[in-house]
């Protein structure tokens, strides 16, 4: 994917201390409630995937990824965000 010239979500070379309250990059990224929700679901999915690999249960890995992609991201998040796009 070519992202040159596009905002990919992070400023170049942003250090963690710059993102702290009062820092120059604080508030650079603004997340809606839906964005925070999908991030939390993704983190849970990442934990399930890591556990599946640790247990050598690739069926659980595949199910977790599939469930996130179709049942959470596509079915809920994308549908919810369609109405929030100001560039439509």
PDB file of N, CA and C in Angstrom:
ATOM      1  N   UNK A   1       0.852  -1.158   0.000  1.00  0.00           N
ATOM      2  CA  UNK A   1       0.000   0.000   0.000  1.00  0.00           C
ATOM      3  C   UNK A   1       0.904   1.229   0.000  1.00  0.00           C
ATOM      4  N   UNK A   2       0.621   2.152  -0.855  1.00  0.00           N
ATOM      5  CA  UNK A   2       1.405   3.374  -0.949  1.00  0.00           C
ATOM      6  C   UNK A   2       0.772   4.452  -0.074  1.00  0.00           C
ATOM      7  N   UNK A   3       1.467   4.830   0.984  1.00  0.00           N
ATOM      8  CA  UNK A   3       0.959   5.832   1.924  1.00  0.00           C
ATOM      9  C   UNK A   3       1.726   7.146   1.827  1.00  0.00           C
ATOM     10  N   UNK A   4       2.597   7.262   0.843  1.00  0.00           N
ATOM     11  CA  UNK A   4       3.404   8.466   0.729  1.00  0.00           C
ATOM     12  C   UNK A   4       2.521   9.699   0.557  1.00  0.00           C
ATOM     13  N   UNK A   5       2.784  10.703   1.373  1.00  0.00           N
ATOM     14  CA  UNK A   5       2.032  11.934   1.288  1.00  0.00           C
ATOM     15  C   UNK A   5       0.701  11.911   2.023  1.00  0.00           C
ATOM     16  N   UNK A   6       0.401  10.818   2.724  1.00  0.00           N
ATOM     17  CA  UNK A   6      -0.853  10.687   3.459  1.00  0.00           C
ATOM     18  C   UNK A   6      -0.573  10.589   4.955  1.00  0.00           C
ATOM     19  N   UNK A   7      -1.502  11.060   5.758  1.00  0.00           N
ATOM     20  CA  UNK A   7      -1.389  10.947   7.201  1.00  0.00           C
ATOM     21  C   UNK A   7      -1.733   9.519   7.594  1.00  0.00           C
ATOM     22  N   UNK A   8      -0.753   8.782   8.095  1.00  0.00           N
ATOM     23  CA  UNK A   8      -0.949   7.382   8.478  1.00  0.00           C
ATOM     24  C   UNK A   8      -1.217   7.232   9.963  1.00  0.00           C
ATOM     25  N   UNK A   9      -1.448   8.327  10.659  1.00  0.00           N
ATOM     26  CA  UNK A   9      -1.835   8.234  12.050  1.00  0.00           C
ATOM     27  C   UNK A   9      -0.800   8.665  13.050  1.00  0.00           C
ATOM     28  N   UNK A  10       0.449   8.787  12.673  1.00  0.00           N
ATOM     29  CA  UNK A  10       1.488   9.206  13.605  1.00  0.00           C
ATOM     30  C   UNK A  10       2.371  10.251  12.949  1.00  0.00           C
ATOM     31  N   UNK A  11       2.761  11.225  13.720  1.00  0.00           N
ATOM     32  CA  UNK A  11       3.741  12.188  13.223  1.00  0.00           C
ATOM     33  C   UNK A  11       5.091  11.488  13.135  1.00  0.00           C
ATOM     34  N   UNK A  12       5.915  11.913  12.211  1.00  0.00           N
ATOM     35  CA  UNK A  12       7.243  11.322  12.077  1.00  0.00           C
ATOM     36  C   UNK A  12       8.057  11.536  13.338  1.00  0.00           C
ATOM     37  N   UNK A  13       8.673  10.474  13.808  1.00  0.00           N
ATOM     38  CA  UNK A  13       9.615  10.509  14.927  1.00  0.00           C
ATOM     39  C   UNK A  13       9.004  11.051  16.217  1.00  0.00           C
ATOM     40  N   UNK A  14       7.737  10.770  16.465  1.00  0.00           N
ATOM     41  CA  UNK A  14       7.088  11.211  17.699  1.00  0.00           C
ATOM     42  C   UNK A  14       7.601  10.363  18.852  1.00  0.00           C
ATOM     43  N   UNK A  15       8.113  11.025  19.867  1.00  0.00           N
ATOM     44  CA  UNK A  15       8.607  10.336  21.054  1.00  0.00           C
ATOM     45  C   UNK A  15       7.489  10.257  22.085  1.00  0.00           C
ATOM     46  N   UNK A  16       7.556   9.243  22.938  1.00  0.00           N
ATOM     47  CA  UNK A  16       6.492   9.006  23.909  1.00  0.00           C
ATOM     48  C   UNK A  16       6.275  10.217  24.808  1.00  0.00           C
ATOM     49  N   UNK A  17       7.343  10.857  25.242  1.00  0.00           N
ATOM     50  CA  UNK A  17       7.182  12.000  26.140  1.00  0.00           C
ATOM     51  C   UNK A  17       6.496  13.180  25.449  1.00  0.00           C
ATOM     52  N   UNK A  18       6.598  13.271  24.133  1.00  0.00           N
ATOM     53  CA  UNK A  18       5.913  14.339  23.405  1.00  0.00           C
ATOM     54  C   UNK A  18       4.398  14.132  23.393  1.00  0.00           C
ATOM     55  N   UNK A  19       3.952  12.898  23.607  1.00  0.00           N
ATOM     56  CA  UNK A  19       2.527  12.587  23.581  1.00  0.00           C
ATOM     57  C   UNK A  19       1.862  12.773  24.945  1.00  0.00           C
ATOM     58  N   UNK A  20       2.648  13.012  25.974  1.00  0.00           N
ATOM     59  CA  UNK A  20       2.100  13.216  27.310  1.00  0.00           C
ATOM     60  C   UNK A  20       1.334  14.531  27.366  1.00  0.00           C
ATOM     61  N   UNK A  21       0.364  14.653  28.283  1.00  0.00           N
ATOM     62  CA  UNK A  21      -0.375  15.914  28.408  1.00  0.00           C
ATOM     63  C   UNK A  21       0.576  17.098  28.554  1.00  0.00           C
ATOM     64  N   UNK A  22       0.334  18.112  27.765  1.00  0.00           N
ATOM     65  CA  UNK A  22       1.185  19.302  27.760  1.00  0.00           C
ATOM     66  C   UNK A  22       2.292  19.240  26.728  1.00  0.00           C
ATOM     67  N   UNK A  23       2.539  18.050  26.162  1.00  0.00           N
ATOM     68  CA  UNK A  23       3.586  17.902  25.162  1.00  0.00           C
ATOM     69  C   UNK A  23       3.111  18.408  23.805  1.00  0.00           C
ATOM     70  N   UNK A  24       4.042  18.644  22.879  1.00  0.00           N
ATOM     71  CA  UNK A  24       3.672  19.205  21.574  1.00  0.00           C
ATOM     72  C   UNK A  24       2.795  18.295  20.718  1.00  0.00           C
ATOM     73  N   UNK A  25       2.854  16.982  20.932  1.00  0.00           N
ATOM     74  CA  UNK A  25       2.053  16.060  20.120  1.00  0.00           C
ATOM     75  C   UNK A  25       0.810  15.569  20.866  1.00  0.00           C
ATOM     76  N   UNK A  26       0.563  16.081  22.066  1.00  0.00           N
ATOM     77  CA  UNK A  26      -0.608  15.636  22.830  1.00  0.00           C
ATOM     78  C   UNK A  26      -1.883  16.035  22.087  1.00  0.00           C
ATOM     79  N   UNK A  27      -2.778  15.082  21.922  1.00  0.00           N
ATOM     80  CA  UNK A  27      -4.033  15.341  21.240  1.00  0.00           C
ATOM     81  C   UNK A  27      -3.936  15.316  19.732  1.00  0.00           C
ATOM     82  N   UNK A  28      -2.781  14.894  19.197  1.00  0.00           N
ATOM     83  CA  UNK A  28      -2.620  14.844  17.749  1.00  0.00           C
ATOM     84  C   UNK A  28      -3.648  13.911  17.126  1.00  0.00           C
ATOM     85  N   UNK A  29      -3.841  12.762  17.739  1.00  0.00           N
ATOM     86  CA  UNK A  29      -4.828  11.815  17.248  1.00  0.00           C
ATOM     87  C   UNK A  29      -6.086  11.936  18.088  1.00  0.00           C
ATOM     88  N   UNK A  30      -7.204  12.101  17.442  1.00  0.00           N
ATOM     89  CA  UNK A  30      -8.479  12.196  18.139  1.00  0.00           C
ATOM     90  C   UNK A  30      -9.290  10.946  17.775  1.00  0.00           C
ATOM     91  N   UNK A  31      -9.710  10.223  18.793  1.00  0.00           N
ATOM     92  CA  UNK A  31     -10.459   8.990  18.583  1.00  0.00           C
ATOM     93  C   UNK A  31     -11.907   9.176  19.007  1.00  0.00           C
ATOM     94  N   UNK A  32     -12.800   8.721  18.156  1.00  0.00           N
ATOM     95  CA  UNK A  32     -14.216   8.727  18.514  1.00  0.00           C
ATOM     96  C   UNK A  32     -14.486   7.554  19.452  1.00  0.00           C
ATOM     97  N   UNK A  33     -15.693   7.485  19.975  1.00  0.00           N
ATOM     98  CA  UNK A  33     -16.060   6.364  20.832  1.00  0.00           C
ATOM     99  C   UNK A  33     -15.976   5.049  20.053  1.00  0.00           C
ATOM    100  N   UNK A  34     -16.386   5.069  18.794  1.00  0.00           N
ATOM    101  CA  UNK A  34     -16.304   3.860  17.957  1.00  0.00           C
ATOM    102  C   UNK A  34     -14.853   3.453  17.727  1.00  0.00           C
ATOM    103  N   UNK A  35     -13.959   4.436  17.542  1.00  0.00           N
ATOM    104  CA  UNK A  35     -12.535   4.133  17.353  1.00  0.00           C
ATOM    105  C   UNK A  35     -11.945   3.486  18.601  1.00  0.00           C
ATOM    106  N   UNK A  36     -12.299   4.020  19.767  1.00  0.00           N
ATOM    107  CA  UNK A  36     -11.802   3.440  21.019  1.00  0.00           C
ATOM    108  C   UNK A  36     -12.360   2.034  21.210  1.00  0.00           C
ATOM    109  N   UNK A  37     -13.628   1.825  20.840  1.00  0.00           N
ATOM    110  CA  UNK A  37     -14.233   0.509  20.980  1.00  0.00           C
ATOM    111  C   UNK A  37     -13.522  -0.514  20.097  1.00  0.00           C
ATOM    112  N   UNK A  38     -13.309  -0.192  18.817  1.00  0.00           N
ATOM    113  CA  UNK A  38     -12.687  -1.170  17.921  1.00  0.00           C
ATOM    114  C   UNK A  38     -11.245  -1.429  18.329  1.00  0.00           C
ATOM    115  N   UNK A  39     -10.568  -0.433  18.888  1.00  0.00           N
ATOM    116  CA  UNK A  39      -9.206  -0.646  19.385  1.00  0.00           C
ATOM    117  C   UNK A  39      -9.198  -1.627  20.547  1.00  0.00           C
ATOM    118  N   UNK A  40     -10.192  -1.515  21.434  1.00  0.00           N
ATOM    119  CA  UNK A  40     -10.252  -2.442  22.562  1.00  0.00           C
ATOM    120  C   UNK A  40     -10.563  -3.861  22.092  1.00  0.00           C
ATOM    121  N   UNK A  41     -11.438  -3.989  21.114  1.00  0.00           N
ATOM    122  CA  UNK A  41     -11.757  -5.317  20.577  1.00  0.00           C
ATOM    123  C   UNK A  41     -10.535  -5.904  19.876  1.00  0.00           C
ATOM    124  N   UNK A  42      -9.792  -5.072  19.164  1.00  0.00           N
ATOM    125  CA  UNK A  42      -8.569  -5.536  18.504  1.00  0.00           C
ATOM    126  C   UNK A  42      -7.550  -6.021  19.530  1.00  0.00           C
ATOM    127  N   UNK A  43      -7.410  -5.306  20.636  1.00  0.00           N
ATOM    128  CA  UNK A  43      -6.471  -5.743  21.671  1.00  0.00           C
ATOM    129  C   UNK A  43      -6.879  -7.095  22.254  1.00  0.00           C
ATOM    130  N   UNK A  44      -8.164  -7.310  22.453  1.00  0.00           N
ATOM    131  CA  UNK A  44      -8.638  -8.613  22.940  1.00  0.00           C
ATOM    132  C   UNK A  44      -8.347  -9.696  21.912  1.00  0.00           C
ATOM    133  N   UNK A  45      -8.549  -9.376  20.649  1.00  0.00           N
ATOM    134  CA  UNK A  45      -8.273 -10.342  19.578  1.00  0.00           C
ATOM    135  C   UNK A  45      -6.793 -10.670  19.518  1.00  0.00           C
ATOM    136  N   UNK A  46      -5.953  -9.652  19.676  1.00  0.00           N
ATOM    137  CA  UNK A  46      -4.504  -9.891  19.682  1.00  0.00           C
ATOM    138  C   UNK A  46      -4.108 -10.845  20.807  1.00  0.00           C
ATOM    139  N   UNK A  47      -4.726 -10.677  21.987  1.00  0.00           N
ATOM    140  CA  UNK A  47      -4.440 -11.571  23.116  1.00  0.00           C
ATOM    141  C   UNK A  47      -4.895 -12.995  22.804  1.00  0.00           C
ATOM    142  N   UNK A  48      -6.061 -13.139  22.190  1.00  0.00           N
ATOM    143  CA  UNK A  48      -6.552 -14.468  21.816  1.00  0.00           C
ATOM    144  C   UNK A  48      -5.632 -15.124  20.793  1.00  0.00           C
ATOM    145  N   UNK A  49      -5.155 -14.349  19.840  1.00  0.00           N
ATOM    146  CA  UNK A  49      -4.248 -14.877  18.815  1.00  0.00           C
ATOM    147  C   UNK A  49      -2.932 -15.313  19.451  1.00  0.00           C
ATOM    148  N   UNK A  50      -2.382 -14.481  20.330  1.00  0.00           N
ATOM    149  CA  UNK A  50      -1.133 -14.840  21.004  1.00  0.00           C
ATOM    150  C   UNK A  50      -1.302 -16.116  21.820  1.00  0.00           C
ATOM    151  N   UNK A  51      -2.430 -16.243  22.521  1.00  0.00           N
ATOM    152  CA  UNK A  51      -2.692 -17.448  23.306  1.00  0.00           C
ATOM    153  C   UNK A  51      -2.849 -18.658  22.400  1.00  0.00           C
ATOM    154  N   UNK A  52      -3.509 -18.480  21.273  1.00  0.00           N
ATOM    155  CA  UNK A  52      -3.660 -19.575  20.324  1.00  0.00           C
ATOM    156  C   UNK A  52      -2.327 -20.059  19.779  1.00  0.00           C
ATOM    157  N   UNK A  53      -1.427 -19.137  19.468  1.00  0.00           N
ATOM    158  CA  UNK A  53      -0.093 -19.538  19.013  1.00  0.00           C
ATOM    159  C   UNK A  53       0.672 -20.223  20.136  1.00  0.00           C
ATOM    160  N   UNK A  54       0.558 -19.699  21.355  1.00  0.00           N
ATOM    161  CA  UNK A  54       1.269 -20.297  22.489  1.00  0.00           C
ATOM    162  C   UNK A  54       0.788 -21.723  22.747  1.00  0.00           C
ATOM    163  N   UNK A  55      -0.495 -21.966  22.539  1.00  0.00           N
ATOM    164  CA  UNK A  55      -1.076 -23.297  22.762  1.00  0.00           C
ATOM    165  C   UNK A  55      -1.020 -24.182  21.514  1.00  0.00           C
ATOM    166  N   UNK A  56      -0.430 -23.690  20.428  1.00  0.00           N
ATOM    167  CA  UNK A  56      -0.394 -24.412  19.150  1.00  0.00           C
ATOM    168  C   UNK A  56      -1.801 -24.749  18.660  1.00  0.00           C
ATOM    169  N   UNK A  57      -2.741 -23.836  18.907  1.00  0.00           N
ATOM    170  CA  UNK A  57      -4.124 -24.015  18.474  1.00  0.00           C
ATOM    171  C   UNK A  57      -4.394 -23.037  17.333  1.00  0.00           C
ATOM    172  N   UNK A  58      -3.949 -23.404  16.154  1.00  0.00           N
ATOM    173  CA  UNK A  58      -4.109 -22.523  15.002  1.00  0.00           C
ATOM    174  C   UNK A  58      -5.569 -22.370  14.605  1.00  0.00           C
ATOM    175  N   UNK A  59      -6.415 -23.331  14.988  1.00  0.00           N
ATOM    176  CA  UNK A  59      -7.839 -23.174  14.735  1.00  0.00           C
ATOM    177  C   UNK A  59      -8.396 -22.004  15.539  1.00  0.00           C
ATOM    178  N   UNK A  60      -7.935 -21.846  16.783  1.00  0.00           N
ATOM    179  CA  UNK A  60      -8.379 -20.709  17.592  1.00  0.00           C
ATOM    180  C   UNK A  60      -7.849 -19.388  17.049  1.00  0.00           C
ATOM    181  N   UNK A  61      -6.629 -19.413  16.538  1.00  0.00           N
ATOM    182  CA  UNK A  61      -6.043 -18.212  15.918  1.00  0.00           C
ATOM    183  C   UNK A  61      -6.896 -17.793  14.725  1.00  0.00           C
ATOM    184  N   UNK A  62      -7.174 -18.740  13.847  1.00  0.00           N
ATOM    185  CA  UNK A  62      -7.954 -18.436  12.650  1.00  0.00           C
ATOM    186  C   UNK A  62      -9.360 -17.963  13.010  1.00  0.00           C
ATOM    187  N   UNK A  63      -9.985 -18.606  13.989  1.00  0.00           N
ATOM    188  CA  UNK A  63     -11.330 -18.196  14.403  1.00  0.00           C
ATOM    189  C   UNK A  63     -11.339 -16.796  14.998  1.00  0.00           C
ATOM    190  N   UNK A  64     -10.327 -16.460  15.796  1.00  0.00           N
ATOM    191  CA  UNK A  64     -10.264 -15.134  16.410  1.00  0.00           C
ATOM    192  C   UNK A  64     -10.092 -14.051  15.349  1.00  0.00           C
ATOM    193  N   UNK A  65      -9.218 -14.290  14.391  1.00  0.00           N
ATOM    194  CA  UNK A  65      -8.990 -13.310  13.325  1.00  0.00           C
ATOM    195  C   UNK A  65     -10.243 -13.173  12.461  1.00  0.00           C
ATOM    196  N   UNK A  66     -10.838 -14.298  12.099  1.00  0.00           N
ATOM    197  CA  UNK A  66     -12.046 -14.283  11.283  1.00  0.00           C
ATOM    198  C   UNK A  66     -13.174 -13.551  11.998  1.00  0.00           C
ATOM    199  N   UNK A  67     -13.373 -13.874  13.281  1.00  0.00           N
ATOM    200  CA  UNK A  67     -14.441 -13.251  14.055  1.00  0.00           C
ATOM    201  C   UNK A  67     -14.236 -11.740  14.151  1.00  0.00           C
ATOM    202  N   UNK A  68     -13.015 -11.317  14.394  1.00  0.00           N
ATOM    203  CA  UNK A  68     -12.758  -9.877  14.473  1.00  0.00           C
ATOM    204  C   UNK A  68     -13.020  -9.209  13.124  1.00  0.00           C
ATOM    205  N   UNK A  69     -12.451  -9.777  12.069  1.00  0.00           N
ATOM    206  CA  UNK A  69     -12.547  -9.140  10.749  1.00  0.00           C
ATOM    207  C   UNK A  69     -13.990  -9.005  10.283  1.00  0.00           C
ATOM    208  N   UNK A  70     -14.751 -10.080  10.397  1.00  0.00           N
ATOM    209  CA  UNK A  70     -16.101 -10.057   9.840  1.00  0.00           C
ATOM    210  C   UNK A  70     -17.161  -9.595  10.824  1.00  0.00           C
ATOM    211  N   UNK A  71     -17.120 -10.086  12.058  1.00  0.00           N
ATOM    212  CA  UNK A  71     -18.204  -9.805  12.997  1.00  0.00           C
ATOM    213  C   UNK A  71     -18.043  -8.497  13.747  1.00  0.00           C
ATOM    214  N   UNK A  72     -16.835  -8.020  13.886  1.00  0.00           N
ATOM    215  CA  UNK A  72     -16.623  -6.768  14.612  1.00  0.00           C
ATOM    216  C   UNK A  72     -16.283  -5.631  13.655  1.00  0.00           C
ATOM    217  N   UNK A  73     -15.187  -5.807  12.907  1.00  0.00           N
ATOM    218  CA  UNK A  73     -14.711  -4.716  12.061  1.00  0.00           C
ATOM    219  C   UNK A  73     -15.677  -4.419  10.912  1.00  0.00           C
ATOM    220  N   UNK A  74     -15.950  -5.407  10.081  1.00  0.00           N
ATOM    221  CA  UNK A  74     -16.800  -5.166   8.910  1.00  0.00           C
ATOM    222  C   UNK A  74     -18.257  -4.952   9.281  1.00  0.00           C
ATOM    223  N   UNK A  75     -18.774  -5.807  10.159  1.00  0.00           N
ATOM    224  CA  UNK A  75     -20.200  -5.778  10.452  1.00  0.00           C
ATOM    225  C   UNK A  75     -20.593  -4.583  11.319  1.00  0.00           C
ATOM    226  N   UNK A  76     -19.767  -4.210  12.293  1.00  0.00           N
ATOM    227  CA  UNK A  76     -20.139  -3.129  13.205  1.00  0.00           C
ATOM    228  C   UNK A  76     -19.380  -1.848  12.938  1.00  0.00           C
ATOM    229  N   UNK A  77     -18.061  -1.912  12.945  1.00  0.00           N
ATOM    230  CA  UNK A  77     -17.263  -0.694  12.881  1.00  0.00           C
ATOM    231  C   UNK A  77     -17.429   0.048  11.556  1.00  0.00           C
ATOM    232  N   UNK A  78     -17.247  -0.628  10.452  1.00  0.00           N
ATOM    233  CA  UNK A  78     -17.358   0.051   9.151  1.00  0.00           C
ATOM    234  C   UNK A  78     -18.759   0.582   8.913  1.00  0.00           C
ATOM    235  N   UNK A  79     -19.757  -0.185   9.292  1.00  0.00           N
ATOM    236  CA  UNK A  79     -21.138   0.284   9.132  1.00  0.00           C
ATOM    237  C   UNK A  79     -21.392   1.521   9.993  1.00  0.00           C
ATOM    238  N   UNK A  80     -20.851   1.527  11.201  1.00  0.00           N
ATOM    239  CA  UNK A  80     -21.016   2.670  12.096  1.00  0.00           C
ATOM    240  C   UNK A  80     -20.290   3.898  11.566  1.00  0.00           C
ATOM    241  N   UNK A  81     -19.109   3.709  11.002  1.00  0.00           N
ATOM    242  CA  UNK A  81     -18.297   4.840  10.557  1.00  0.00           C
ATOM    243  C   UNK A  81     -18.776   5.428   9.237  1.00  0.00           C
ATOM    244  N   UNK A  82     -19.577   4.729   8.474  1.00  0.00           N
ATOM    245  CA  UNK A  82     -20.051   5.270   7.191  1.00  0.00           C
ATOM    246  C   UNK A  82     -20.820   6.568   7.383  1.00  0.00           C
ATOM    247  N   UNK A  83     -21.618   6.651   8.400  1.00  0.00           N
ATOM    248  CA  UNK A  83     -22.376   7.865   8.660  1.00  0.00           C
ATOM    249  C   UNK A  83     -21.529   8.975   9.250  1.00  0.00           C
ATOM    250  N   UNK A  84     -20.326   8.665   9.718  1.00  0.00           N
ATOM    251  CA  UNK A  84     -19.468   9.665  10.364  1.00  0.00           C
ATOM    252  C   UNK A  84     -18.457  10.269   9.407  1.00  0.00           C
ATOM    253  N   UNK A  85     -18.467   9.891   8.147  1.00  0.00           N
ATOM    254  CA  UNK A  85     -17.474  10.382   7.184  1.00  0.00           C
ATOM    255  C   UNK A  85     -17.905  11.756   6.648  1.00  0.00           C
ATOM    256  N   UNK A  86     -17.175  12.813   6.995  1.00  0.00           N
ATOM    257  CA  UNK A  86     -17.570  14.144   6.525  1.00  0.00           C
ATOM    258  C   UNK A  86     -17.228  14.391   5.060  1.00  0.00           C
ATOM    259  N   UNK A  87     -16.489  13.481   4.418  1.00  0.00           N
ATOM    260  CA  UNK A  87     -16.053  13.679   3.036  1.00  0.00           C
ATOM    261  C   UNK A  87     -16.938  12.965   2.025  1.00  0.00           C
ATOM    262  N   UNK A  88     -18.103  12.502   2.464  1.00  0.00           N
ATOM    263  CA  UNK A  88     -19.006  11.787   1.554  1.00  0.00           C
ATOM    264  C   UNK A  88     -19.823  12.745   0.762  1.00  0.00           C
TER     265      UNK A  88
END
